[in-house]
N, C-alpha and C. Protein backbone atom coordinates (compact mmCIF):
# COMPACT_ATOMS: atom_id res chain seq x y z
N MET A 1 17.45 -14.03 -29.23
CA MET A 1 16.22 -13.31 -29.42
C MET A 1 15.67 -12.91 -28.05
N GLY A 2 15.08 -11.74 -27.97
CA GLY A 2 14.49 -11.25 -26.72
C GLY A 2 13.16 -11.93 -26.44
N SER A 3 12.57 -11.59 -25.32
CA SER A 3 11.27 -12.17 -24.98
C SER A 3 10.31 -11.06 -24.61
N GLY A 4 9.05 -11.36 -24.67
CA GLY A 4 8.01 -10.40 -24.34
C GLY A 4 6.68 -10.97 -24.78
N GLY A 5 5.65 -10.19 -24.62
CA GLY A 5 4.35 -10.67 -25.02
C GLY A 5 3.35 -9.54 -25.16
N TYR A 6 2.29 -9.82 -25.89
CA TYR A 6 1.21 -8.88 -26.09
C TYR A 6 -0.01 -9.67 -26.55
N SER A 7 -1.16 -9.02 -26.52
CA SER A 7 -2.38 -9.67 -26.99
C SER A 7 -3.03 -8.79 -28.05
N SER A 8 -4.01 -9.35 -28.72
CA SER A 8 -4.71 -8.60 -29.77
C SER A 8 -5.49 -7.42 -29.20
N GLN A 9 -5.74 -7.41 -27.89
CA GLN A 9 -6.44 -6.29 -27.27
C GLN A 9 -5.51 -5.12 -26.92
N ASP A 10 -4.19 -5.32 -26.97
CA ASP A 10 -3.25 -4.25 -26.66
C ASP A 10 -3.25 -3.20 -27.76
N GLU A 11 -2.85 -1.99 -27.37
CA GLU A 11 -2.78 -0.89 -28.34
C GLU A 11 -1.70 -1.16 -29.38
N LYS A 12 -1.92 -0.64 -30.57
CA LYS A 12 -1.00 -0.85 -31.69
C LYS A 12 0.42 -0.42 -31.34
N GLU A 13 0.57 0.72 -30.66
CA GLU A 13 1.90 1.23 -30.30
C GLU A 13 2.63 0.27 -29.37
N TYR A 14 1.88 -0.31 -28.41
CA TYR A 14 2.48 -1.27 -27.48
C TYR A 14 2.92 -2.53 -28.23
N ILE A 15 2.09 -3.00 -29.14
CA ILE A 15 2.43 -4.20 -29.91
C ILE A 15 3.70 -3.97 -30.72
N GLU A 16 3.81 -2.83 -31.37
CA GLU A 16 5.01 -2.51 -32.15
C GLU A 16 6.24 -2.41 -31.26
N PHE A 17 6.08 -1.80 -30.08
CA PHE A 17 7.18 -1.70 -29.12
C PHE A 17 7.64 -3.09 -28.70
N MET A 18 6.71 -3.97 -28.35
CA MET A 18 7.07 -5.32 -27.92
C MET A 18 7.73 -6.11 -29.03
N LYS A 19 7.29 -5.93 -30.27
CA LYS A 19 7.94 -6.61 -31.39
C LYS A 19 9.39 -6.16 -31.52
N GLN A 20 9.65 -4.86 -31.33
CA GLN A 20 11.03 -4.37 -31.37
C GLN A 20 11.86 -4.99 -30.26
N ILE A 21 11.32 -5.02 -29.06
CA ILE A 21 12.04 -5.58 -27.91
C ILE A 21 12.34 -7.06 -28.15
N MET A 22 11.37 -7.80 -28.68
CA MET A 22 11.57 -9.23 -28.94
C MET A 22 12.64 -9.46 -30.00
N ASN A 23 12.88 -8.48 -30.86
CA ASN A 23 13.94 -8.56 -31.87
C ASN A 23 15.23 -7.90 -31.39
N GLN A 24 15.29 -7.60 -30.10
CA GLN A 24 16.45 -6.94 -29.46
C GLN A 24 16.78 -5.62 -30.13
N GLU A 25 15.76 -4.88 -30.51
CA GLU A 25 15.89 -3.55 -31.09
C GLU A 25 15.27 -2.56 -30.11
N PHE A 26 16.06 -2.13 -29.13
CA PHE A 26 15.54 -1.25 -28.11
C PHE A 26 15.49 0.18 -28.64
N PRO A 27 14.30 0.79 -28.65
CA PRO A 27 14.21 2.20 -29.04
C PRO A 27 14.96 3.07 -28.03
N LYS A 28 15.42 4.22 -28.48
CA LYS A 28 16.13 5.17 -27.62
C LYS A 28 15.26 5.48 -26.40
N GLY A 29 15.89 5.49 -25.22
CA GLY A 29 15.14 5.82 -24.01
C GLY A 29 15.78 5.29 -22.75
N HIS A 30 15.12 5.55 -21.63
CA HIS A 30 15.55 5.10 -20.30
C HIS A 30 14.64 3.95 -19.90
N TYR A 31 15.23 2.82 -19.52
CA TYR A 31 14.47 1.62 -19.19
C TYR A 31 14.70 1.23 -17.73
N VAL A 32 13.63 0.76 -17.09
CA VAL A 32 13.70 0.21 -15.74
C VAL A 32 13.03 -1.16 -15.80
N VAL A 33 13.78 -2.20 -15.43
CA VAL A 33 13.27 -3.56 -15.46
C VAL A 33 13.26 -4.08 -14.03
N ASN A 34 12.09 -4.52 -13.57
CA ASN A 34 11.94 -5.08 -12.23
C ASN A 34 11.69 -6.57 -12.34
N GLY A 35 12.38 -7.33 -11.50
CA GLY A 35 12.19 -8.78 -11.47
C GLY A 35 11.91 -9.24 -10.06
N PHE A 36 11.13 -10.30 -9.93
CA PHE A 36 10.78 -10.83 -8.62
C PHE A 36 10.50 -12.32 -8.75
N THR A 37 10.98 -13.09 -7.80
CA THR A 37 10.64 -14.51 -7.72
C THR A 37 10.56 -14.92 -6.26
N ASP A 38 9.75 -15.88 -5.97
CA ASP A 38 9.74 -16.49 -4.63
C ASP A 38 9.49 -17.98 -4.79
N PHE A 39 10.20 -18.75 -3.98
CA PHE A 39 10.08 -20.21 -4.07
C PHE A 39 10.57 -20.83 -2.78
N ASN A 40 10.24 -22.11 -2.60
CA ASN A 40 10.67 -22.89 -1.44
C ASN A 40 11.62 -23.98 -1.90
N VAL A 41 12.64 -24.24 -1.08
CA VAL A 41 13.56 -25.34 -1.33
C VAL A 41 13.38 -26.34 -0.19
N LEU A 42 13.01 -27.56 -0.56
CA LEU A 42 12.78 -28.59 0.45
C LEU A 42 14.08 -29.28 0.83
N ALA A 43 14.21 -29.58 2.11
CA ALA A 43 15.37 -30.33 2.59
C ALA A 43 15.22 -31.79 2.21
N ASP A 44 16.32 -32.52 2.15
CA ASP A 44 16.27 -33.95 1.81
C ASP A 44 15.30 -34.69 2.73
N GLY A 45 14.36 -35.41 2.14
CA GLY A 45 13.43 -36.22 2.91
C GLY A 45 12.33 -35.43 3.58
N ASP A 46 12.29 -34.13 3.41
CA ASP A 46 11.28 -33.31 4.07
C ASP A 46 10.33 -32.76 3.00
N SER A 47 9.11 -33.28 3.00
CA SER A 47 8.15 -32.86 1.97
C SER A 47 7.23 -31.73 2.43
N GLU A 48 7.34 -31.29 3.66
CA GLU A 48 6.44 -30.26 4.18
C GLU A 48 7.14 -28.94 4.45
N GLN A 49 8.29 -28.97 5.07
CA GLN A 49 9.00 -27.75 5.44
C GLN A 49 10.10 -27.47 4.43
N GLY A 50 10.29 -26.22 4.17
CA GLY A 50 11.37 -25.84 3.28
C GLY A 50 11.83 -24.43 3.60
N LYS A 51 12.91 -24.05 3.00
CA LYS A 51 13.39 -22.69 3.19
C LYS A 51 12.82 -21.83 2.07
N ARG A 52 12.21 -20.73 2.45
CA ARG A 52 11.57 -19.83 1.48
C ARG A 52 12.58 -18.76 1.05
N TYR A 53 12.61 -18.52 -0.25
CA TYR A 53 13.48 -17.49 -0.82
C TYR A 53 12.63 -16.48 -1.58
N GLU A 54 12.94 -15.23 -1.41
CA GLU A 54 12.35 -14.15 -2.20
C GLU A 54 13.50 -13.33 -2.77
N ILE A 55 13.51 -13.18 -4.07
CA ILE A 55 14.59 -12.45 -4.73
C ILE A 55 13.97 -11.33 -5.56
N LYS A 56 14.48 -10.13 -5.37
CA LYS A 56 14.03 -8.98 -6.14
C LYS A 56 15.25 -8.33 -6.79
N ALA A 57 15.05 -7.81 -7.98
CA ALA A 57 16.14 -7.11 -8.67
C ALA A 57 15.56 -5.97 -9.50
N LYS A 58 16.35 -4.92 -9.64
CA LYS A 58 15.97 -3.78 -10.45
C LYS A 58 17.18 -3.40 -11.30
N ILE A 59 16.96 -3.30 -12.59
CA ILE A 59 18.04 -2.93 -13.51
C ILE A 59 17.57 -1.71 -14.29
N GLU A 60 18.43 -0.70 -14.35
CA GLU A 60 18.13 0.49 -15.15
C GLU A 60 19.21 0.64 -16.21
N PHE A 61 18.80 1.03 -17.41
CA PHE A 61 19.76 1.30 -18.46
C PHE A 61 19.19 2.30 -19.46
N LYS A 62 20.10 2.95 -20.18
CA LYS A 62 19.71 3.93 -21.19
C LYS A 62 20.19 3.45 -22.54
N VAL A 63 19.37 3.70 -23.56
CA VAL A 63 19.74 3.42 -24.94
C VAL A 63 19.82 4.78 -25.64
N ASN A 64 21.03 5.12 -26.08
CA ASN A 64 21.22 6.41 -26.74
C ASN A 64 20.93 6.34 -28.22
N ASP A 65 21.24 5.21 -28.84
CA ASP A 65 21.01 5.02 -30.26
C ASP A 65 20.83 3.54 -30.51
N SER A 66 19.80 3.16 -31.23
CA SER A 66 19.49 1.73 -31.42
C SER A 66 20.34 1.09 -32.50
N LYS A 67 21.29 1.80 -33.12
CA LYS A 67 22.14 1.24 -34.17
C LYS A 67 23.43 0.72 -33.61
């Protein structure tokens, strides 16, 4: 199952779109998904200093037919 979210304040069209995505039913179209994370990894025995990582990714894909 896919993931996503919406609130009761979101527009009806957005809520319906998110429900489709959460059911892995992508409507026809061009999609761009951006991801980002940043975190620190601490060395053994070192509770103050760590190595910082920042990871970014962009994925584009097209859905020609949802069937």
